[in-house]
Amino acid sequence: MRMNYLKLIQTLKKDLNTSNIEFETVKFFRKDFVSVWIWFWVLEQYYNNNNNNNTENIMSEIPNEYASRPTIFKIIDDAVAKNYFKKILNENDKRKYNLLPTSQSIKEFEEWSKVFKGF
């Protein structure tokens, strides 16, 4: 089956115009490359049922040339403050926190991603 690239481009353009209005979590995380990376990483861990999704692990996933530790922590803290992520103290290492998407983040991600069905 051949991919319809024109349809994909048109869908992406439409998505850029509408999804930031419809989904506040999508708008928040799509503001820059590092935010998107963090968003996808937390969601990936969630859908993989990974309980070892702590803040230190995300630091090793994002290349240093993209963001510093303080920048990554600021994005995470902003997401927590807006109730898009939950920080839960890691049971094995009390110095670390596990990150989980909130129900709003999960719901909006799943709704937003429906636009990409069929590609």
N, C-alpha and C. Protein backbone atom coordinates (compact mmCIF):
# COMPACT_ATOMS: atom_id res chain seq x y z
N MET A 1 0.85 -1.18 0.00
CA MET A 1 0.00 0.00 0.00
C MET A 1 0.89 1.24 0.00
N ARG A 2 0.69 2.12 -0.93
CA ARG A 2 1.49 3.33 -1.06
C ARG A 2 0.91 4.44 -0.20
N MET A 3 1.79 5.13 0.49
CA MET A 3 1.37 6.23 1.35
C MET A 3 0.96 7.42 0.50
N ASN A 4 -0.11 8.08 0.90
CA ASN A 4 -0.58 9.27 0.21
C ASN A 4 0.09 10.48 0.87
N TYR A 5 1.21 10.91 0.31
CA TYR A 5 2.01 11.97 0.91
C TYR A 5 1.29 13.32 0.88
N LEU A 6 0.55 13.59 -0.17
CA LEU A 6 -0.19 14.84 -0.24
C LEU A 6 -1.24 14.90 0.88
N LYS A 7 -1.94 13.80 1.08
CA LYS A 7 -2.94 13.76 2.15
C LYS A 7 -2.27 13.92 3.52
N LEU A 8 -1.11 13.29 3.69
CA LEU A 8 -0.38 13.43 4.96
C LEU A 8 0.00 14.89 5.21
N ILE A 9 0.55 15.55 4.20
CA ILE A 9 0.94 16.95 4.36
C ILE A 9 -0.26 17.82 4.68
N GLN A 10 -1.35 17.61 3.98
CA GLN A 10 -2.55 18.40 4.23
C GLN A 10 -3.10 18.14 5.64
N THR A 11 -3.04 16.90 6.08
CA THR A 11 -3.48 16.56 7.44
C THR A 11 -2.59 17.21 8.48
N LEU A 12 -1.28 17.18 8.26
CA LEU A 12 -0.34 17.81 9.19
C LEU A 12 -0.57 19.32 9.26
N LYS A 13 -0.78 19.95 8.13
CA LYS A 13 -1.04 21.39 8.12
C LYS A 13 -2.33 21.72 8.87
N LYS A 14 -3.36 20.95 8.61
CA LYS A 14 -4.63 21.16 9.31
C LYS A 14 -4.44 20.95 10.81
N ASP A 15 -3.70 19.91 11.15
CA ASP A 15 -3.45 19.62 12.56
C ASP A 15 -2.72 20.78 13.25
N LEU A 16 -1.74 21.35 12.59
CA LEU A 16 -1.00 22.48 13.17
C LEU A 16 -1.92 23.67 13.43
N ASN A 17 -2.92 23.85 12.59
CA ASN A 17 -3.85 24.96 12.75
C ASN A 17 -4.90 24.73 13.82
N THR A 18 -5.31 23.48 14.02
CA THR A 18 -6.46 23.23 14.90
C THR A 18 -6.13 22.59 16.24
N SER A 19 -5.14 21.71 16.29
CA SER A 19 -4.94 20.94 17.52
C SER A 19 -4.48 21.80 18.70
N ASN A 20 -3.75 22.88 18.45
CA ASN A 20 -3.33 23.73 19.55
C ASN A 20 -4.52 24.41 20.21
N ILE A 21 -5.60 24.58 19.47
CA ILE A 21 -6.81 25.17 20.02
C ILE A 21 -7.61 24.12 20.79
N GLU A 22 -7.68 22.92 20.23
CA GLU A 22 -8.50 21.86 20.80
C GLU A 22 -7.88 21.15 22.00
N PHE A 23 -6.56 21.07 22.04
CA PHE A 23 -5.89 20.26 23.07
C PHE A 23 -4.79 21.06 23.76
N GLU A 24 -5.05 21.46 24.98
CA GLU A 24 -4.07 22.30 25.67
C GLU A 24 -2.77 21.56 25.98
N THR A 25 -2.83 20.26 26.21
CA THR A 25 -1.59 19.53 26.48
C THR A 25 -0.75 19.42 25.21
N VAL A 26 -1.39 19.20 24.08
CA VAL A 26 -0.67 19.14 22.81
C VAL A 26 0.01 20.48 22.55
N LYS A 27 -0.71 21.55 22.75
CA LYS A 27 -0.14 22.89 22.56
C LYS A 27 1.07 23.10 23.47
N PHE A 28 0.96 22.72 24.73
CA PHE A 28 2.05 22.89 25.68
C PHE A 28 3.30 22.14 25.24
N PHE A 29 3.15 20.88 24.88
CA PHE A 29 4.31 20.06 24.58
C PHE A 29 4.88 20.29 23.18
N ARG A 30 4.10 20.84 22.28
CA ARG A 30 4.62 21.08 20.93
C ARG A 30 5.32 22.43 20.79
N LYS A 31 5.57 23.10 21.89
CA LYS A 31 6.17 24.43 21.79
C LYS A 31 7.62 24.39 21.34
N ASP A 32 8.32 23.28 21.58
CA ASP A 32 9.71 23.14 21.12
C ASP A 32 10.08 21.66 21.06
N PHE A 33 11.21 21.42 20.44
CA PHE A 33 11.67 20.05 20.19
C PHE A 33 11.84 19.25 21.49
N VAL A 34 12.46 19.85 22.50
CA VAL A 34 12.72 19.13 23.75
C VAL A 34 11.42 18.79 24.47
N SER A 35 10.47 19.70 24.45
CA SER A 35 9.17 19.43 25.09
C SER A 35 8.47 18.26 24.42
N VAL A 36 8.53 18.21 23.09
CA VAL A 36 7.93 17.09 22.35
C VAL A 36 8.63 15.79 22.74
N TRP A 37 9.95 15.83 22.80
CA TRP A 37 10.73 14.64 23.15
C TRP A 37 10.31 14.14 24.54
N ILE A 38 10.23 15.02 25.50
CA ILE A 38 9.83 14.65 26.87
C ILE A 38 8.42 14.08 26.86
N TRP A 39 7.52 14.73 26.18
CA TRP A 39 6.12 14.29 26.09
C TRP A 39 6.05 12.88 25.54
N PHE A 40 6.71 12.65 24.41
CA PHE A 40 6.70 11.32 23.81
C PHE A 40 7.35 10.29 24.71
N TRP A 41 8.44 10.64 25.38
CA TRP A 41 9.13 9.71 26.27
C TRP A 41 8.22 9.28 27.41
N VAL A 42 7.56 10.23 28.05
CA VAL A 42 6.68 9.91 29.19
C VAL A 42 5.51 9.05 28.71
N LEU A 43 4.93 9.40 27.58
CA LEU A 43 3.83 8.59 27.05
C LEU A 43 4.29 7.20 26.65
N GLU A 44 5.45 7.11 26.04
CA GLU A 44 6.00 5.81 25.66
C GLU A 44 6.19 4.92 26.89
N GLN A 45 6.73 5.47 27.95
CA GLN A 45 6.90 4.70 29.18
C GLN A 45 5.55 4.26 29.74
N TYR A 46 4.59 5.15 29.69
CA TYR A 46 3.24 4.84 30.17
C TYR A 46 2.64 3.68 29.38
N TYR A 47 2.67 3.75 28.06
CA TYR A 47 2.07 2.70 27.23
C TYR A 47 2.86 1.40 27.27
N ASN A 48 4.13 1.46 27.66
CA ASN A 48 4.94 0.25 27.86
C ASN A 48 4.80 -0.31 29.27
N ASN A 49 3.98 0.32 30.08
CA ASN A 49 3.82 -0.07 31.49
C ASN A 49 5.16 -0.12 32.21
N ASN A 50 6.00 0.84 31.91
CA ASN A 50 7.33 0.91 32.51
C ASN A 50 7.27 1.66 33.83
N ASN A 51 7.60 0.98 34.91
CA ASN A 51 7.58 1.60 36.24
C ASN A 51 8.90 2.27 36.60
N ASN A 52 9.88 2.16 35.73
CA ASN A 52 11.19 2.75 36.01
C ASN A 52 11.40 3.97 35.10
N ASN A 53 10.40 4.80 35.03
CA ASN A 53 10.42 5.95 34.15
C ASN A 53 10.80 7.22 34.92
N ASN A 54 11.94 7.15 35.59
CA ASN A 54 12.31 8.27 36.46
C ASN A 54 13.00 9.38 35.69
N THR A 55 13.10 10.50 36.37
CA THR A 55 13.66 11.71 35.75
C THR A 55 15.10 11.51 35.29
N GLU A 56 15.85 10.69 35.97
CA GLU A 56 17.24 10.45 35.56
C GLU A 56 17.30 9.69 34.24
N ASN A 57 16.37 8.78 34.03
CA ASN A 57 16.34 8.03 32.78
C ASN A 57 16.05 8.94 31.59
N ILE A 58 15.18 9.90 31.78
CA ILE A 58 14.89 10.80 30.67
C ILE A 58 16.11 11.66 30.33
N MET A 59 16.92 11.97 31.31
CA MET A 59 18.14 12.74 31.06
C MET A 59 19.08 12.00 30.11
N SER A 60 19.12 10.70 30.25
CA SER A 60 20.01 9.92 29.39
C SER A 60 19.44 9.75 27.98
N GLU A 61 18.14 9.97 27.82
CA GLU A 61 17.49 9.81 26.52
C GLU A 61 17.63 11.04 25.63
N ILE A 62 17.73 12.21 26.22
CA ILE A 62 17.78 13.44 25.44
C ILE A 62 19.24 13.84 25.25
N PRO A 63 19.68 13.94 24.00
CA PRO A 63 21.07 14.32 23.75
C PRO A 63 21.41 15.68 24.36
N ASN A 64 22.61 15.78 24.92
CA ASN A 64 23.05 17.00 25.60
C ASN A 64 23.00 18.23 24.71
N GLU A 65 23.21 18.04 23.42
CA GLU A 65 23.22 19.21 22.54
C GLU A 65 21.84 19.82 22.35
N TYR A 66 20.79 19.10 22.74
CA TYR A 66 19.43 19.63 22.61
C TYR A 66 18.98 20.41 23.83
N ALA A 67 19.40 19.98 25.01
CA ALA A 67 18.93 20.66 26.22
C ALA A 67 19.80 20.31 27.41
N SER A 68 19.90 21.27 28.30
CA SER A 68 20.63 21.05 29.55
C SER A 68 19.69 20.41 30.58
N ARG A 69 20.28 19.89 31.63
CA ARG A 69 19.48 19.31 32.72
C ARG A 69 18.49 20.34 33.29
N PRO A 70 18.95 21.57 33.57
CA PRO A 70 18.00 22.56 34.10
C PRO A 70 16.82 22.83 33.14
N THR A 71 17.10 22.84 31.84
CA THR A 71 16.02 23.06 30.87
C THR A 71 15.02 21.91 30.91
N ILE A 72 15.52 20.70 30.95
CA ILE A 72 14.64 19.53 31.01
C ILE A 72 13.82 19.54 32.29
N PHE A 73 14.45 19.83 33.41
CA PHE A 73 13.72 19.88 34.68
C PHE A 73 12.68 21.00 34.67
N LYS A 74 12.98 22.11 34.03
CA LYS A 74 12.01 23.22 33.96
C LYS A 74 10.78 22.80 33.17
N ILE A 75 10.99 22.14 32.05
CA ILE A 75 9.85 21.68 31.25
C ILE A 75 9.01 20.68 32.05
N ILE A 76 9.67 19.76 32.72
CA ILE A 76 8.96 18.77 33.55
C ILE A 76 8.19 19.47 34.67
N ASP A 77 8.85 20.38 35.36
CA ASP A 77 8.19 21.10 36.47
C ASP A 77 7.01 21.93 35.97
N ASP A 78 7.15 22.55 34.80
CA ASP A 78 6.03 23.30 34.22
C ASP A 78 4.86 22.37 33.89
N ALA A 79 5.17 21.19 33.35
CA ALA A 79 4.13 20.22 33.03
C ALA A 79 3.44 19.71 34.29
N VAL A 80 4.20 19.53 35.35
CA VAL A 80 3.62 19.10 36.63
C VAL A 80 2.72 20.22 37.19
N ALA A 81 3.20 21.45 37.13
CA ALA A 81 2.43 22.59 37.65
C ALA A 81 1.10 22.75 36.90
N LYS A 82 1.09 22.43 35.61
CA LYS A 82 -0.13 22.54 34.81
C LYS A 82 -0.99 21.27 34.90
N ASN A 83 -0.53 20.30 35.67
CA ASN A 83 -1.22 19.03 35.86
C ASN A 83 -1.29 18.20 34.57
N TYR A 84 -0.20 18.23 33.78
CA TYR A 84 -0.08 17.40 32.60
C TYR A 84 0.73 16.14 32.91
N PHE A 85 1.63 16.24 33.89
CA PHE A 85 2.40 15.10 34.39
C PHE A 85 2.22 15.04 35.90
N LYS A 86 2.44 13.83 36.43
CA LYS A 86 2.52 13.63 37.88
C LYS A 86 3.94 13.16 38.19
N LYS A 87 4.51 13.73 39.25
CA LYS A 87 5.80 13.28 39.75
C LYS A 87 5.53 12.45 40.99
N ILE A 88 5.97 11.21 40.95
CA ILE A 88 5.75 10.29 42.07
C ILE A 88 7.10 9.81 42.56
N LEU A 89 7.31 9.91 43.85
CA LEU A 89 8.58 9.51 44.44
C LEU A 89 8.87 8.05 44.10
N ASN A 90 10.06 7.79 43.59
CA ASN A 90 10.49 6.45 43.22
C ASN A 90 10.66 5.62 44.49
N GLU A 91 10.02 4.46 44.53
CA GLU A 91 10.07 3.62 45.73
C GLU A 91 11.46 3.05 45.98
N ASN A 92 12.22 2.80 44.92
CA ASN A 92 13.54 2.19 45.07
C ASN A 92 14.64 3.20 45.39
N ASP A 93 14.47 4.43 44.94
CA ASP A 93 15.48 5.46 45.15
C ASP A 93 14.76 6.76 45.45
N LYS A 94 14.75 7.15 46.69
CA LYS A 94 13.98 8.31 47.16
C LYS A 94 14.52 9.63 46.62
N ARG A 95 15.64 9.61 45.91
CA ARG A 95 16.18 10.83 45.31
C ARG A 95 15.58 11.09 43.93
N LYS A 96 14.86 10.10 43.39
CA LYS A 96 14.33 10.19 42.03
C LYS A 96 12.80 10.22 42.05
N TYR A 97 12.26 10.74 40.96
CA TYR A 97 10.81 10.77 40.77
C TYR A 97 10.45 10.07 39.47
N ASN A 98 9.36 9.32 39.51
CA ASN A 98 8.81 8.74 38.31
C ASN A 98 7.83 9.74 37.71
N LEU A 99 7.75 9.75 36.39
CA LEU A 99 6.85 10.66 35.69
C LEU A 99 5.72 9.86 35.07
N LEU A 100 4.52 10.34 35.26
CA LEU A 100 3.34 9.73 34.66
C LEU A 100 2.50 10.81 34.00
N PRO A 101 1.92 10.52 32.85
CA PRO A 101 0.99 11.48 32.26
C PRO A 101 -0.30 11.47 33.08
N THR A 102 -0.94 12.61 33.19
CA THR A 102 -2.23 12.66 33.88
C THR A 102 -3.31 12.15 32.94
N SER A 103 -4.48 11.93 33.47
CA SER A 103 -5.59 11.43 32.64
C SER A 103 -5.91 12.43 31.53
N GLN A 104 -5.78 13.72 31.79
CA GLN A 104 -6.01 14.73 30.76
C GLN A 104 -5.00 14.57 29.62
N SER A 105 -3.74 14.38 29.97
CA SER A 105 -2.71 14.21 28.95
C SER A 105 -2.94 12.97 28.10
N ILE A 106 -3.32 11.89 28.74
CA ILE A 106 -3.58 10.65 28.03
C ILE A 106 -4.78 10.81 27.10
N LYS A 107 -5.86 11.36 27.63
CA LYS A 107 -7.08 11.54 26.85
C LYS A 107 -6.82 12.44 25.64
N GLU A 108 -6.15 13.57 25.86
CA GLU A 108 -5.90 14.49 24.76
C GLU A 108 -4.93 13.90 23.73
N PHE A 109 -3.92 13.17 24.20
CA PHE A 109 -3.01 12.53 23.26
C PHE A 109 -3.77 11.53 22.38
N GLU A 110 -4.59 10.72 22.99
CA GLU A 110 -5.33 9.70 22.24
C GLU A 110 -6.31 10.34 21.26
N GLU A 111 -6.97 11.42 21.67
CA GLU A 111 -7.87 12.13 20.76
C GLU A 111 -7.10 12.77 19.62
N TRP A 112 -6.00 13.45 19.96
CA TRP A 112 -5.18 14.14 18.97
C TRP A 112 -4.62 13.15 17.95
N SER A 113 -4.19 11.99 18.40
CA SER A 113 -3.52 11.03 17.51
C SER A 113 -4.48 10.38 16.51
N LYS A 114 -5.77 10.50 16.72
CA LYS A 114 -6.75 9.92 15.79
C LYS A 114 -6.62 10.52 14.40
N VAL A 115 -6.15 11.73 14.31
CA VAL A 115 -6.01 12.39 13.01
C VAL A 115 -5.01 11.66 12.12
N PHE A 116 -4.13 10.87 12.72
CA PHE A 116 -3.08 10.20 11.96
C PHE A 116 -3.44 8.76 11.57
N LYS A 117 -4.65 8.33 11.87
CA LYS A 117 -5.07 6.99 11.48
C LYS A 117 -5.04 6.87 9.96
N GLY A 118 -4.57 5.77 9.49
CA GLY A 118 -4.54 5.52 8.07
C GLY A 118 -3.23 5.89 7.39
N PHE A 119 -2.28 6.36 8.16
CA PHE A 119 -0.97 6.70 7.56
C PHE A 119 -0.01 5.66 7.97
